[in-house]
Amino acid sequence: MDVSTFVGLAGVPFITALVQLFKPWLADKRLMPVAAIILGVAINLAFMVPGANIALTVMVGVVAGLAASGLWSAGKAAVGQ
């Protein structure tokens, strides 16, 4: 695994927290996964390792956003909300 991939996926809990922070301002709750993907890409581009491939960084951001929305859904299902 590349260092940039590890760094990008380490932000999943942070993305989950940010999406929950912005939750009151989202008009439609169905947009939360989209917000997670956008935040994942933005965070990965902001903290991109020098010399890393931009396309790979964007893809890792998309995966991190999808993982963050899945992490929240799994947590809600486990608690039973």
Protein backbone atom coordinates (compact mmCIF):
# COMPACT_ATOMS: atom_id res chain seq x y z
CA MET A 1 0.00 0.00 0.00
CA ASP A 2 1.25 3.45 -0.90
CA VAL A 3 1.80 6.02 1.87
CA SER A 4 -0.66 8.44 0.26
CA THR A 5 -3.36 5.76 0.27
CA PHE A 6 -2.84 5.09 3.97
CA VAL A 7 -2.90 8.80 4.79
CA GLY A 8 -6.04 9.29 2.72
CA LEU A 9 -7.97 6.46 4.33
CA ALA A 10 -6.91 7.51 7.83
CA GLY A 11 -9.22 10.52 7.45
CA VAL A 12 -12.42 8.41 7.38
CA PRO A 13 -13.38 9.12 11.04
CA PHE A 14 -12.62 12.81 10.50
CA ILE A 15 -14.85 12.92 7.41
CA THR A 16 -17.63 11.18 9.36
CA ALA A 17 -17.37 13.80 12.11
CA LEU A 18 -17.40 16.69 9.62
CA VAL A 19 -20.48 15.37 7.84
CA GLN A 20 -22.28 15.10 11.18
CA LEU A 21 -21.17 18.64 12.00
CA PHE A 22 -22.68 19.95 8.75
CA LYS A 23 -25.85 17.88 9.13
CA PRO A 24 -28.06 20.78 10.35
CA TRP A 25 -27.27 22.78 7.21
CA LEU A 26 -28.06 20.03 4.73
CA ALA A 27 -31.54 20.55 3.34
CA ASP A 28 -31.96 16.91 2.34
CA LYS A 29 -30.45 14.15 4.48
CA ARG A 30 -30.00 12.02 1.35
CA LEU A 31 -27.18 14.40 0.39
CA MET A 32 -25.01 13.25 3.32
CA PRO A 33 -23.14 10.59 1.28
CA VAL A 34 -22.48 13.18 -1.44
CA ALA A 35 -21.15 15.59 1.19
CA ALA A 36 -18.92 12.81 2.56
CA ILE A 37 -17.48 12.14 -0.90
CA ILE A 38 -16.86 15.85 -1.54
CA LEU A 39 -15.19 16.25 1.85
CA GLY A 40 -13.10 13.12 1.26
CA VAL A 41 -11.81 14.41 -2.05
CA ALA A 42 -11.20 17.92 -0.68
CA ILE A 43 -9.32 16.67 2.37
CA ASN A 44 -7.20 14.29 0.32
CA LEU A 45 -6.33 17.03 -2.16
CA ALA A 46 -5.52 19.45 0.67
CA PHE A 47 -3.18 16.98 2.39
CA MET A 48 -1.78 15.39 -0.76
CA VAL A 49 1.68 13.88 -0.40
CA PRO A 50 4.16 15.76 -2.63
CA GLY A 51 4.73 13.89 -5.85
CA ALA A 52 1.58 11.79 -5.51
CA ASN A 53 -0.63 11.04 -8.48
CA ILE A 54 -3.63 13.43 -8.51
CA ALA A 55 -6.00 10.86 -10.02
CA LEU A 56 -5.08 8.35 -7.31
CA THR A 57 -5.53 11.01 -4.65
CA VAL A 58 -9.03 11.83 -5.94
CA MET A 59 -9.96 8.14 -6.06
CA VAL A 60 -8.73 7.62 -2.50
CA GLY A 61 -10.84 10.63 -1.49
CA VAL A 62 -13.92 9.08 -3.10
CA VAL A 63 -13.26 5.77 -1.33
CA ALA A 64 -12.71 7.59 1.98
CA GLY A 65 -16.02 9.45 1.56
CA LEU A 66 -17.87 6.25 0.74
CA ALA A 67 -16.25 4.52 3.70
CA ALA A 68 -17.22 7.40 5.99
CA SER A 69 -20.88 7.23 4.95
CA GLY A 70 -20.82 3.45 5.35
CA LEU A 71 -19.23 3.76 8.79
CA TRP A 72 -22.05 6.01 9.94
CA SER A 73 -24.73 3.73 8.48
CA ALA A 74 -23.19 0.67 10.13
CA GLY A 75 -23.03 2.47 13.47
CA LYS A 76 -26.68 3.47 13.25
CA ALA A 77 -27.68 -0.08 12.37
CA ALA A 78 -25.68 -1.51 15.27
CA VAL A 79 -27.30 0.86 17.76
CA GLY A 80 -30.73 0.23 16.24
CA GLN A 81 -31.83 3.77 15.37
